[in-house]
Amino acid sequence: MRQIWCIFPPLLTAAAAFSCTPVSLHSSRIRGLENGISLFAARRRRSWDESYELLLSYKEEHGHTNVPQSEKPLGAWVNSQRIDHAKYLRWIEQDGNEDTELPKTSMDSRRKKLLDDVDFVWDAVAHTWITRYEELCDFRQEHGHCVVPRSNGRLGAWVEKMRIEHKKYNTLLSEENPKNSKLKTILTQDRVQKLNDIDFVWNVREKQFEQNLGELRIYKEMNGHIDPRYMNGKLALWVRRMEREYRLYLQATSEEEESAVMSKERRLALESVGFCEEMFDEPRSRSTVKPRATWEERFEELKEYKRVNGDCVVPKNYGPLGSWVRSQRHLRKEQGTMGVSFEGGGQLSQDRVDRLNDLGFVWDVHQYQWNQTYHELLAYRKEHGDCNVPMSYGGLGLWVFNQRAYYNSYRRGQSSHMTESRLQMLESIGFAFDLGQQISSAADERWRNRLTELKDYAEQWGTFNVKQSRNPSLYNWCQRQKACYRAKREGKKSPLAAEREDALRSIGFLESIEMTRS
């Protein structure tokens, strides 16, 4: 007979329910308990090592170890390593060493070193922040600013989130004891400074107001007025909106109503360029409107627009010029439909059609925009080797998704934006209308190439035991096949299909695993 403190968790709980004194066990039971604990620890180690092998395979395929939690079960295991690592670090900070009692964690110096060797991401939030920040720096270098549109996939969403986090950050700064506040933010003083260094725009609306105000100052210096009836495009729309807000401000009967409509700073900025109460005294009748421009005058405006913007695709809300461009397309469409040739009388004569064509006039805007995005897809294909643009890639990803939807409607004989010519253009560059089938085929091809590589290795070295130092990528692939095979034998969920299992068995790989285990 001997006394021990029970360290096996279920027995420890049971013992504590009856007494706080040591548990007396027969020597045979003690040996059985010790063997059970050893077996339990061995299974835990094997489970950890198998998950580590899956992590190596994940890094080989994706290039990093930041596995999302949705990637089960590996994502949950990665998250548990971060939790155990935090406990381990707290233990180290308390002058812990290998001889003192560890906290309730599976992390140790060996496992930490193995994970460090594969660049394990211990802090997923910090890693994501640095990754998006670097993407933002690249965006700024390419576009000259940091105003990323929300449609720009993950980067656009991250930029919007930083603006929200910045409001929390400012609120915390204003509190007397921010450490005890329930409000939390991922922004730190260092991160805010990094974003400020690249001219990050915290308030997009204020930035746009300043830019429009600057354009209005230039317009007034050149034309001597700020009347939106004689302006084109977005500036005219913005001035009209500011006029409405300024009129509401003048009609307000209290300071609360005034501040709700317009801030004092914005009002003073508008008044500095000529906004005043007198500008609404005289009604703007039709007699005061500038006479309608001639065709030649609009054509000269179009030439100037192309010189500035590089094309003749004038937006429909671009003031009088936008309306005139739309009317030219409408006249040309009527001319083609009715078989009428307009020769003078202010209509679209053949001479005018030729002059517009020489200028690069776009008669079919939808086809023009489709061709522009198609060329973006060609550039993507040249860089990535395929046309499988993810939805998170912004506008191009959405366009690719729509082409597949249009193709399905076209194939069923339904109304669709897909045409025979567009279909031929997409097929000529290997566009995958059935993405799932192509991805599956590509994955199978990569797997077969690995199998051939393993067979050649066995013929050269006389063994299926691939050494990591000789071929790291093949080693990681073999470890993943072993883990998948073991999981399947134990009745667990496994991605190893029957065809792949037969292929591995045909070259003798599975027999080598079973011989090693026995």
Protein backbone atom coordinates (compact mmCIF):
# COMPACT_ATOMS: atom_id res chain seq x y z
CA MET A 1 0.00 0.00 0.00
CA ARG A 2 1.16 3.54 -0.70
CA GLN A 3 -0.37 7.03 -0.79
CA ILE A 4 -0.30 9.35 -3.78
CA TRP A 5 -1.94 12.60 -4.78
CA CYS A 6 -4.18 11.83 -7.68
CA ILE A 7 -3.17 13.97 -10.66
CA PHE A 8 -5.51 12.44 -13.24
CA PRO A 9 -8.28 15.08 -13.58
CA PRO A 10 -11.42 12.86 -13.37
CA LEU A 11 -10.10 10.98 -10.32
CA LEU A 12 -8.94 14.20 -8.70
CA THR A 13 -12.49 15.58 -8.97
CA ALA A 14 -13.97 12.43 -7.51
CA ALA A 15 -11.49 12.36 -4.62
CA ALA A 16 -12.13 15.99 -3.78
CA ALA A 17 -15.84 15.28 -3.51
CA PHE A 18 -15.25 12.98 -0.51
CA SER A 19 -12.17 14.25 1.25
CA CYS A 20 -9.27 16.67 1.13
CA THR A 21 -6.87 13.97 2.36
CA PRO A 22 -4.58 11.87 0.12
CA VAL A 23 -6.20 8.91 -1.67
CA SER A 24 -5.01 5.43 -0.64
CA LEU A 25 -4.70 3.04 -3.57
CA HIS A 26 -3.37 -0.48 -3.99
CA SER A 27 -0.04 -0.74 -5.80
CA SER A 28 -1.63 -2.55 -8.77
CA ARG A 29 -4.15 0.26 -9.17
CA ILE A 30 -1.37 2.80 -8.89
CA ARG A 31 0.50 1.11 -11.76
CA GLY A 32 -2.67 0.97 -13.80
CA LEU A 33 -3.29 4.64 -13.13
CA GLU A 34 0.26 5.57 -14.08
CA ASN A 35 -0.04 3.55 -17.31
CA GLY A 36 -3.35 5.29 -18.08
CA ILE A 37 -1.80 8.70 -17.52
CA SER A 38 1.14 7.80 -19.77
CA LEU A 39 -1.23 6.57 -22.49
CA PHE A 40 -3.32 9.73 -22.15
CA ALA A 41 -0.23 11.94 -22.44
CA ALA A 42 1.02 9.95 -25.45
CA ARG A 43 -2.28 10.40 -27.25
CA ARG A 44 -2.22 14.13 -26.48
CA ARG A 45 1.31 14.38 -27.93
CA ARG A 46 0.34 12.42 -31.02
CA SER A 47 -2.74 14.59 -31.52
CA TRP A 48 -0.60 17.74 -31.22
CA ASP A 49 2.00 16.41 -33.66
CA GLU A 50 -0.69 15.47 -36.19
CA SER A 51 -2.21 18.94 -35.97
CA TYR A 52 1.25 20.43 -36.41
CA GLU A 53 1.69 18.36 -39.58
CA LEU A 54 -1.62 19.71 -40.89
CA LEU A 55 -0.37 23.22 -40.14
CA LEU A 56 2.75 22.57 -42.21
CA SER A 57 0.60 21.45 -45.12
CA TYR A 58 -1.61 24.51 -44.74
CA LYS A 59 1.44 26.80 -44.87
CA GLU A 60 2.75 25.02 -47.95
CA GLU A 61 -0.57 25.61 -49.73
CA HIS A 62 -1.38 29.16 -48.51
CA GLY A 63 2.05 30.60 -47.70
CA HIS A 64 1.24 31.50 -44.07
CA THR A 65 0.07 30.01 -40.74
CA ASN A 66 -2.73 32.48 -39.96
CA VAL A 67 -5.47 29.85 -40.20
CA PRO A 68 -9.00 31.27 -39.81
CA GLN A 69 -11.18 29.69 -37.12
CA SER A 70 -13.69 28.74 -39.80
CA GLU A 71 -11.07 26.29 -41.15
CA LYS A 72 -12.04 23.43 -38.83
CA PRO A 73 -10.52 21.61 -37.04
CA LEU A 74 -7.15 23.24 -37.74
CA GLY A 75 -8.43 26.77 -37.04
CA ALA A 76 -9.64 25.78 -33.56
CA TRP A 77 -6.29 24.11 -32.81
CA VAL A 78 -4.36 27.21 -33.93
CA ASN A 79 -6.51 29.39 -31.68
CA SER A 80 -5.87 27.08 -28.72
CA GLN A 81 -2.11 27.37 -29.32
CA ARG A 82 -2.40 31.14 -29.03
CA ILE A 83 -4.30 30.82 -25.75
CA ASP A 84 -1.79 28.31 -24.35
CA HIS A 85 1.07 30.51 -25.51
CA ALA A 86 -0.34 33.48 -23.60
CA LYS A 87 -0.55 31.34 -20.43
CA TYR A 88 2.98 30.07 -21.04
CA LEU A 89 4.35 33.61 -21.38
CA ARG A 90 2.63 34.70 -18.17
CA TRP A 91 4.25 31.75 -16.43
CA ILE A 92 7.68 32.70 -17.82
CA GLU A 93 7.21 36.31 -16.70
CA GLN A 94 6.63 35.03 -13.16
CA ASP A 95 10.18 33.53 -13.14
CA GLY A 96 8.89 30.10 -14.03
CA ASN A 97 11.20 27.37 -15.32
CA GLU A 98 10.94 23.76 -16.42
CA ASP A 99 11.35 22.53 -12.82
CA THR A 100 8.42 24.48 -11.41
CA GLU A 101 4.78 23.63 -11.84
CA LEU A 102 3.35 24.61 -15.22
CA PRO A 103 -0.01 26.32 -15.52
CA LYS A 104 -2.89 24.46 -17.17
CA THR A 105 -1.49 24.65 -20.69
CA SER A 106 -0.09 22.26 -23.30
CA MET A 107 2.55 24.77 -24.43
CA ASP A 108 6.21 24.15 -23.63
CA SER A 109 9.57 25.33 -24.94
CA ARG A 110 9.78 22.53 -27.54
CA ARG A 111 6.39 23.24 -29.05
CA LYS A 112 6.98 26.98 -28.98
CA LYS A 113 10.22 26.50 -30.93
CA LEU A 114 8.51 24.27 -33.51
CA LEU A 115 5.82 26.87 -34.07
CA ASP A 116 8.33 29.73 -34.17
CA ASP A 117 10.30 27.85 -36.84
CA VAL A 118 7.30 27.99 -39.21
CA ASP A 119 6.60 31.69 -38.47
CA PHE A 120 3.49 30.94 -36.43
CA VAL A 121 1.18 33.95 -36.04
CA TRP A 122 0.79 34.34 -32.28
CA ASP A 123 -1.26 37.56 -32.48
CA ALA A 124 -3.81 37.28 -35.29
CA VAL A 125 -5.17 40.80 -34.75
CA ALA A 126 -1.73 42.42 -34.98
CA HIS A 127 -0.81 40.29 -38.00
CA THR A 128 -3.99 41.29 -39.84
CA TRP A 129 -3.42 44.95 -38.99
CA ILE A 130 0.14 44.95 -40.35
CA THR A 131 -0.97 43.07 -43.49
CA ARG A 132 -3.77 45.53 -44.27
CA TYR A 133 -1.53 48.50 -43.47
CA GLU A 134 1.04 47.30 -46.00
CA GLU A 135 -1.74 46.85 -48.57
CA LEU A 136 -2.88 50.41 -47.85
CA CYS A 137 0.67 51.71 -48.41
CA ASP A 138 0.74 49.93 -51.78
CA PHE A 139 -2.67 51.42 -52.64
CA ARG A 140 -1.43 54.92 -51.75
CA GLN A 141 1.69 54.48 -53.86
CA GLU A 142 -0.43 53.45 -56.85
CA HIS A 143 -3.31 55.96 -56.50
CA GLY A 144 -1.70 58.83 -54.60
CA HIS A 145 -4.19 58.78 -51.69
CA CYS A 146 -5.64 56.54 -48.96
CA VAL A 147 -9.34 56.97 -49.74
CA VAL A 148 -10.04 53.30 -50.51
CA PRO A 149 -13.62 52.69 -51.75
CA ARG A 150 -15.73 50.27 -49.73
CA SER A 151 -16.09 48.11 -52.84
CA ASN A 152 -12.34 47.38 -52.75
CA GLY A 153 -12.77 44.07 -50.91
CA ARG A 154 -11.10 43.48 -47.55
CA LEU A 155 -8.92 46.58 -47.73
CA GLY A 156 -11.94 48.85 -48.20
CA ALA A 157 -13.74 47.22 -45.25
CA TRP A 158 -10.59 47.52 -43.10
CA VAL A 159 -10.17 51.23 -43.89
CA GLU A 160 -13.79 51.86 -42.90
CA LYS A 161 -13.22 49.92 -39.67
CA MET A 162 -10.17 52.06 -38.84
CA ARG A 163 -12.33 55.18 -39.03
CA ILE A 164 -14.80 53.63 -36.57
CA GLU A 165 -11.96 52.53 -34.29
CA HIS A 166 -10.52 56.05 -34.40
CA LYS A 167 -13.75 57.44 -32.94
CA LYS A 168 -13.45 54.95 -30.08
CA TYR A 169 -9.80 55.90 -29.66
CA ASN A 170 -10.65 59.60 -29.34
CA THR A 171 -13.43 58.81 -26.87
CA LEU A 172 -11.00 56.82 -24.70
CA LEU A 173 -8.51 59.69 -24.76
CA SER A 174 -11.15 62.03 -23.40
CA GLU A 175 -11.97 59.75 -20.46
CA GLU A 176 -10.24 60.22 -17.12
CA ASN A 177 -9.40 56.54 -16.61
CA PRO A 178 -9.39 54.82 -20.05
CA LYS A 179 -7.95 51.54 -18.68
CA ASN A 180 -11.14 50.89 -16.72
CA SER A 181 -13.41 51.78 -19.62
CA LYS A 182 -15.66 49.15 -21.18
CA LEU A 183 -14.93 50.68 -24.59
CA LYS A 184 -12.08 48.88 -26.38
CA THR A 185 -10.22 49.60 -29.60
CA ILE A 186 -7.44 47.94 -31.60
CA LEU A 187 -5.88 51.34 -32.36
CA THR A 188 -2.85 52.42 -30.37
CA GLN A 189 -0.89 55.65 -30.41
CA ASP A 190 1.77 54.00 -32.60
CA ARG A 191 -0.82 52.74 -35.11
CA VAL A 192 -2.56 56.10 -35.29
CA GLN A 193 0.80 57.74 -35.95
CA LYS A 194 1.57 55.22 -38.72
CA LEU A 195 -1.73 56.04 -40.43
CA ASN A 196 -1.19 59.77 -40.01
CA ASP A 197 2.24 59.46 -41.61
CA ILE A 198 0.64 58.26 -44.88
CA ASP A 199 -2.08 60.96 -44.79
CA PHE A 200 -4.91 58.64 -43.78
CA VAL A 201 -8.33 60.27 -44.18
CA TRP A 202 -10.26 59.83 -40.93
CA ASN A 203 -13.33 61.78 -42.12
CA VAL A 204 -14.10 61.25 -45.81
CA ARG A 205 -16.99 63.70 -45.92
CA GLU A 206 -14.92 66.56 -44.55
CA LYS A 207 -12.11 65.71 -46.96
CA GLN A 208 -14.52 65.75 -49.91
CA PHE A 209 -15.97 69.05 -48.70
CA GLU A 210 -12.50 70.62 -48.63
CA GLN A 211 -11.71 69.33 -52.13
CA ASN A 212 -15.00 70.60 -53.59
CA LEU A 213 -14.55 73.94 -51.86
CA GLY A 214 -11.09 74.23 -53.41
CA GLU A 215 -12.51 73.50 -56.87
CA LEU A 216 -15.20 76.14 -56.32
CA ARG A 217 -12.56 78.74 -55.40
CA ILE A 218 -10.70 78.03 -58.63
CA TYR A 219 -13.93 78.20 -60.65
CA LYS A 220 -14.83 81.56 -59.12
CA GLU A 221 -11.37 82.98 -59.87
CA MET A 222 -11.71 81.91 -63.53
CA ASN A 223 -15.39 82.82 -64.12
CA GLY A 224 -16.17 85.47 -61.52
CA HIS A 225 -19.28 83.73 -60.08
CA ILE A 226 -20.48 80.57 -58.30
CA ASP A 227 -23.77 80.06 -60.16
CA PRO A 228 -24.27 76.26 -60.62
CA ARG A 229 -26.42 76.79 -63.75
CA TYR A 230 -23.26 77.47 -65.74
CA MET A 231 -21.20 74.62 -64.26
CA ASN A 232 -20.70 71.04 -65.44
CA GLY A 233 -20.56 67.76 -63.63
CA LYS A 234 -20.14 67.01 -59.96
CA LEU A 235 -19.19 70.54 -58.97
CA ALA A 236 -22.61 71.83 -60.09
CA LEU A 237 -24.39 69.09 -58.12
CA TRP A 238 -22.31 69.82 -55.01
CA VAL A 239 -22.94 73.58 -55.18
CA ARG A 240 -26.69 73.01 -55.48
CA ARG A 241 -26.63 70.73 -52.45
CA MET A 242 -24.67 73.31 -50.46
CA GLU A 243 -27.22 75.96 -51.52
CA ARG A 244 -30.05 73.84 -50.14
CA GLU A 245 -28.24 73.30 -46.83
CA TYR A 246 -27.32 76.99 -46.58
CA ARG A 247 -30.94 78.03 -47.26
CA LEU A 248 -32.13 75.67 -44.48
CA TYR A 249 -29.52 77.21 -42.19
CA LEU A 250 -30.86 80.71 -42.91
CA GLN A 251 -34.42 79.52 -42.21
CA ALA A 252 -33.49 77.98 -38.84
CA THR A 253 -35.05 79.68 -35.80
CA SER A 254 -32.66 78.45 -33.10
CA GLU A 255 -29.02 77.56 -32.61
CA GLU A 256 -29.97 73.90 -32.24
CA GLU A 257 -31.62 73.88 -35.66
CA GLU A 258 -28.66 75.73 -37.19
CA SER A 259 -26.12 73.23 -35.84
CA ALA A 260 -28.29 70.32 -36.98
CA VAL A 261 -28.20 71.62 -40.57
CA MET A 262 -24.64 72.91 -40.87
CA SER A 263 -21.63 73.37 -38.60
CA LYS A 264 -20.26 76.85 -37.95
CA GLU A 265 -16.95 75.98 -39.61
CA ARG A 266 -18.67 74.79 -42.78
CA ARG A 267 -20.89 77.90 -42.92
CA LEU A 268 -17.89 80.24 -42.61
CA ALA A 269 -16.04 78.27 -45.32
CA LEU A 270 -18.96 78.65 -47.74
CA GLU A 271 -19.37 82.33 -46.97
CA SER A 272 -15.66 82.83 -47.69
CA VAL A 273 -16.30 81.93 -51.36
CA GLY A 274 -19.43 84.06 -51.77
CA PHE A 275 -22.38 82.30 -50.12
CA CYS A 276 -24.69 84.91 -48.59
CA GLU A 277 -28.36 85.59 -47.88
CA GLU A 278 -28.69 87.93 -50.88
CA MET A 279 -27.96 85.12 -53.36
CA PHE A 280 -31.55 83.86 -52.86
CA ASP A 281 -33.27 87.26 -53.23
CA GLU A 282 -33.65 87.18 -57.05
CA PRO A 283 -35.61 84.23 -58.48
CA ARG A 284 -33.81 82.35 -61.24
CA SER A 285 -36.25 82.56 -64.11
CA ARG A 286 -35.80 80.99 -67.52
CA SER A 287 -34.95 84.42 -68.96
CA THR A 288 -31.80 84.56 -66.84
CA VAL A 289 -30.53 81.15 -67.93
CA LYS A 290 -27.61 81.07 -70.30
CA PRO A 291 -28.70 80.40 -73.91
CA ARG A 292 -28.47 76.79 -75.13
CA ALA A 293 -25.05 76.02 -76.53
CA THR A 294 -24.65 75.07 -80.18
CA TRP A 295 -23.47 71.66 -81.38
CA GLU A 296 -20.02 73.06 -82.16
CA GLU A 297 -19.67 74.53 -78.64
CA ARG A 298 -20.59 71.21 -77.04
CA PHE A 299 -18.19 69.41 -79.34
CA GLU A 300 -15.38 71.72 -78.19
CA GLU A 301 -16.35 71.00 -74.56
CA LEU A 302 -16.15 67.28 -75.34
CA LYS A 303 -12.67 67.71 -76.80
CA GLU A 304 -11.60 69.49 -73.61
CA TYR A 305 -13.17 66.74 -71.49
CA LYS A 306 -11.17 64.10 -73.35
CA ARG A 307 -7.97 66.10 -72.97
CA VAL A 308 -8.47 66.16 -69.18
CA ASN A 309 -9.97 62.70 -68.61
CA GLY A 310 -8.51 60.64 -71.46
CA ASP A 311 -11.81 59.44 -72.94
CA CYS A 312 -15.23 60.58 -74.15
CA VAL A 313 -17.27 58.58 -71.62
CA VAL A 314 -18.99 61.55 -70.00
CA PRO A 315 -21.22 60.62 -67.01
CA LYS A 316 -24.91 61.35 -67.50
CA ASN A 317 -24.93 63.60 -64.41
CA TYR A 318 -22.11 65.74 -65.82
CA GLY A 319 -24.32 68.76 -66.38
CA PRO A 320 -25.25 69.96 -69.90
CA LEU A 321 -22.33 68.13 -71.52
CA GLY A 322 -23.49 64.79 -70.10
CA SER A 323 -27.00 65.38 -71.45
CA TRP A 324 -25.67 66.38 -74.88
CA VAL A 325 -23.53 63.22 -75.12
CA ARG A 326 -26.56 61.06 -74.32
CA SER A 327 -28.59 62.86 -76.98
CA GLN A 328 -25.94 62.09 -79.62
CA ARG A 329 -26.18 58.39 -78.82
CA HIS A 330 -29.97 58.56 -78.97
CA LEU A 331 -29.91 60.29 -82.36
CA ARG A 332 -27.46 57.75 -83.75
CA LYS A 333 -29.64 54.88 -82.49
CA GLU A 334 -32.73 56.39 -84.13
CA GLN A 335 -30.78 56.94 -87.32
CA GLY A 336 -29.76 53.28 -87.42
CA THR A 337 -33.22 52.01 -86.49
CA MET A 338 -35.23 54.16 -88.89
CA GLY A 339 -32.73 54.09 -91.74
CA VAL A 340 -32.76 57.88 -91.87
CA SER A 341 -29.71 59.97 -92.71
CA PHE A 342 -29.81 63.33 -91.00
CA GLU A 343 -28.09 65.88 -93.17
CA GLY A 344 -28.27 69.22 -91.38
CA GLY A 345 -31.14 70.90 -89.61
CA GLY A 346 -29.19 70.59 -86.36
CA GLN A 347 -29.43 66.80 -86.52
CA LEU A 348 -26.68 64.18 -86.52
CA SER A 349 -25.22 64.33 -90.01
CA GLN A 350 -22.65 61.88 -91.33
CA ASP A 351 -20.00 64.59 -91.02
CA ARG A 352 -20.75 64.93 -87.31
CA VAL A 353 -20.68 61.15 -86.87
CA ASP A 354 -17.24 61.03 -88.51
CA ARG A 355 -15.93 63.84 -86.31
CA LEU A 356 -17.20 62.11 -83.18
CA ASN A 357 -15.64 58.82 -84.31
CA ASP A 358 -12.32 60.54 -84.95
CA LEU A 359 -12.45 61.91 -81.41
CA GLY A 360 -13.06 58.43 -79.98
CA PHE A 361 -16.72 58.87 -79.13
CA VAL A 362 -18.24 55.84 -77.36
CA TRP A 363 -21.61 54.93 -78.85
CA ASP A 364 -22.22 51.83 -76.73
CA VAL A 365 -21.22 52.60 -73.15
CA HIS A 366 -22.09 49.15 -71.80
CA GLN A 367 -19.89 47.36 -74.32
CA TYR A 368 -17.11 49.87 -73.73
CA GLN A 369 -17.18 49.26 -69.98
CA TRP A 370 -17.33 45.48 -70.56
CA ASN A 371 -14.23 45.67 -72.77
CA GLN A 372 -12.39 47.78 -70.19
CA THR A 373 -13.06 45.22 -67.44
CA TYR A 374 -12.16 42.39 -69.83
CA HIS A 375 -8.72 43.94 -70.25
CA GLU A 376 -8.42 44.14 -66.46
CA LEU A 377 -9.12 40.40 -66.40
CA LEU A 378 -6.37 39.84 -68.99
CA ALA A 379 -3.92 41.67 -66.72
CA TYR A 380 -5.06 39.56 -63.74
CA ARG A 381 -4.61 36.37 -65.77
CA LYS A 382 -1.12 37.40 -66.80
CA GLU A 383 -0.15 37.94 -63.16
CA HIS A 384 -1.93 34.97 -61.51
CA GLY A 385 -2.12 32.42 -64.30
CA ASP A 386 -5.91 32.02 -64.28
CA CYS A 387 -9.19 33.97 -64.41
CA ASN A 388 -10.51 32.83 -61.01
CA VAL A 389 -10.80 36.29 -59.46
CA PRO A 390 -12.16 36.11 -55.86
CA MET A 391 -15.14 38.24 -54.83
CA SER A 392 -12.91 40.01 -52.29
CA TYR A 393 -10.89 41.46 -55.22
CA GLY A 394 -13.28 44.40 -55.54
CA GLY A 395 -14.98 45.43 -58.78
CA LEU A 396 -13.22 42.87 -60.97
CA GLY A 397 -14.26 40.01 -58.66
CA LEU A 398 -17.90 41.10 -58.82
CA TRP A 399 -17.71 41.40 -62.62
CA VAL A 400 -16.34 37.85 -62.95
CA PHE A 401 -19.10 36.55 -60.67
CA ASN A 402 -21.71 38.30 -62.84
CA GLN A 403 -20.31 36.80 -66.06
CA ARG A 404 -20.90 33.31 -64.65
CA ALA A 405 -24.47 34.26 -63.68
CA TYR A 406 -25.08 35.78 -67.14
CA TYR A 407 -23.68 32.63 -68.78
CA ASN A 408 -26.08 30.37 -66.85
CA SER A 409 -29.04 32.52 -67.93
CA TYR A 410 -27.76 32.56 -71.54
CA ARG A 411 -27.38 28.77 -71.56
CA ARG A 412 -30.98 28.34 -70.34
CA GLY A 413 -32.25 30.61 -73.10
CA GLN A 414 -33.22 33.41 -70.72
CA SER A 415 -32.62 37.14 -71.12
CA SER A 416 -28.97 37.83 -70.37
CA HIS A 417 -26.16 40.34 -70.84
CA MET A 418 -24.04 37.49 -72.21
CA THR A 419 -23.66 37.47 -75.99
CA GLU A 420 -22.04 35.01 -78.37
CA SER A 421 -19.10 37.36 -79.03
CA ARG A 422 -18.50 37.90 -75.28
CA LEU A 423 -18.71 34.16 -74.68
CA GLN A 424 -16.07 33.49 -77.34
CA MET A 425 -13.77 36.17 -75.91
CA LEU A 426 -14.00 34.66 -72.42
CA GLU A 427 -13.55 31.08 -73.62
CA SER A 428 -10.46 32.11 -75.61
CA ILE A 429 -8.62 33.01 -72.37
CA GLY A 430 -9.71 29.93 -70.42
CA PHE A 431 -12.46 31.56 -68.38
CA ALA A 432 -13.99 29.02 -65.96
CA PHE A 433 -17.77 29.24 -66.11
CA ASP A 434 -18.00 26.24 -63.76
CA LEU A 435 -15.44 27.29 -61.15
CA GLY A 436 -15.96 24.35 -58.81
CA GLN A 437 -15.13 21.81 -61.50
CA GLN A 438 -11.97 23.63 -62.57
CA ILE A 439 -10.68 24.02 -59.01
CA SER A 440 -11.32 20.34 -58.34
CA SER A 441 -9.49 19.35 -61.52
CA ALA A 442 -6.52 21.57 -60.69
CA ALA A 443 -6.31 20.14 -57.14
CA ASP A 444 -6.41 16.58 -58.49
CA GLU A 445 -3.65 17.38 -60.95
CA ARG A 446 -1.44 18.82 -58.21
CA TRP A 447 -2.09 15.74 -56.07
CA ARG A 448 -1.14 13.36 -58.89
CA ASN A 449 2.05 15.34 -59.50
CA ARG A 450 2.97 14.91 -55.82
CA LEU A 451 2.26 11.18 -56.05
CA THR A 452 4.60 10.88 -59.03
CA GLU A 453 7.23 12.88 -57.15
CA LEU A 454 6.92 10.52 -54.16
CA LYS A 455 7.26 7.47 -56.40
CA ASP A 456 10.43 8.90 -57.97
CA TYR A 457 11.81 9.64 -54.49
CA ALA A 458 11.20 6.05 -53.36
CA GLU A 459 12.94 4.70 -56.46
CA GLN A 460 15.95 6.95 -55.87
CA TRP A 461 16.36 6.49 -52.10
CA GLY A 462 14.70 3.10 -51.58
CA THR A 463 12.24 4.37 -48.96
CA PHE A 464 9.00 6.32 -48.57
CA ASN A 465 10.39 8.01 -45.45
CA VAL A 466 10.99 11.42 -47.02
CA LYS A 467 13.51 13.53 -45.14
CA GLN A 468 12.57 17.14 -44.60
CA SER A 469 16.11 18.31 -45.37
CA ARG A 470 16.00 16.71 -48.83
CA ASN A 471 12.56 17.83 -50.00
CA PRO A 472 10.60 20.02 -47.52
CA SER A 473 7.48 20.41 -49.67
CA LEU A 474 7.21 16.67 -50.42
CA TYR A 475 7.85 15.92 -46.73
CA ASN A 476 4.95 18.17 -45.70
CA TRP A 477 2.68 16.58 -48.31
CA CYS A 478 3.53 13.07 -47.04
CA GLN A 479 2.82 14.13 -43.45
CA ARG A 480 -0.59 15.38 -44.50
CA GLN A 481 -1.41 12.11 -46.31
CA LYS A 482 -0.39 10.16 -43.20
CA ALA A 483 -2.57 12.32 -40.96
CA CYS A 484 -5.54 11.97 -43.32
CA TYR A 485 -5.07 8.20 -43.54
CA ARG A 486 -4.89 7.80 -39.75
CA ALA A 487 -8.00 9.90 -39.29
CA LYS A 488 -9.88 7.76 -41.81
CA ARG A 489 -8.80 4.51 -40.12
CA GLU A 490 -10.01 5.84 -36.78
CA GLY A 491 -13.41 6.65 -38.25
CA LYS A 492 -12.89 10.41 -38.17
CA LYS A 493 -13.68 12.90 -40.90
CA SER A 494 -10.95 12.81 -43.54
CA PRO A 495 -10.47 14.46 -46.96
CA LEU A 496 -8.70 11.33 -48.28
CA ALA A 497 -10.93 10.00 -51.05
CA ALA A 498 -11.08 6.28 -51.88
CA GLU A 499 -9.38 6.84 -55.26
CA ARG A 500 -6.45 8.61 -53.62
CA GLU A 501 -6.17 5.94 -50.94
CA ASP A 502 -5.99 3.26 -53.65
CA ALA A 503 -3.32 5.25 -55.50
CA LEU A 504 -1.19 5.55 -52.33
CA ARG A 505 -1.61 1.85 -51.64
CA SER A 506 -0.67 0.89 -55.22
CA ILE A 507 2.83 2.35 -54.85
CA GLY A 508 3.34 0.87 -51.36
CA PHE A 509 3.11 4.10 -49.36
CA LEU A 510 0.30 2.98 -47.03
CA GLU A 511 2.00 -0.36 -46.34
CA SER A 512 5.08 1.52 -45.17
CA ILE A 513 2.92 3.49 -42.72
CA GLU A 514 1.27 0.34 -41.33
CA MET A 515 4.64 -1.42 -40.95
CA THR A 516 6.02 1.58 -39.06
CA ARG A 517 3.02 1.64 -36.69
CA SER A 518 3.29 -2.09 -36.01
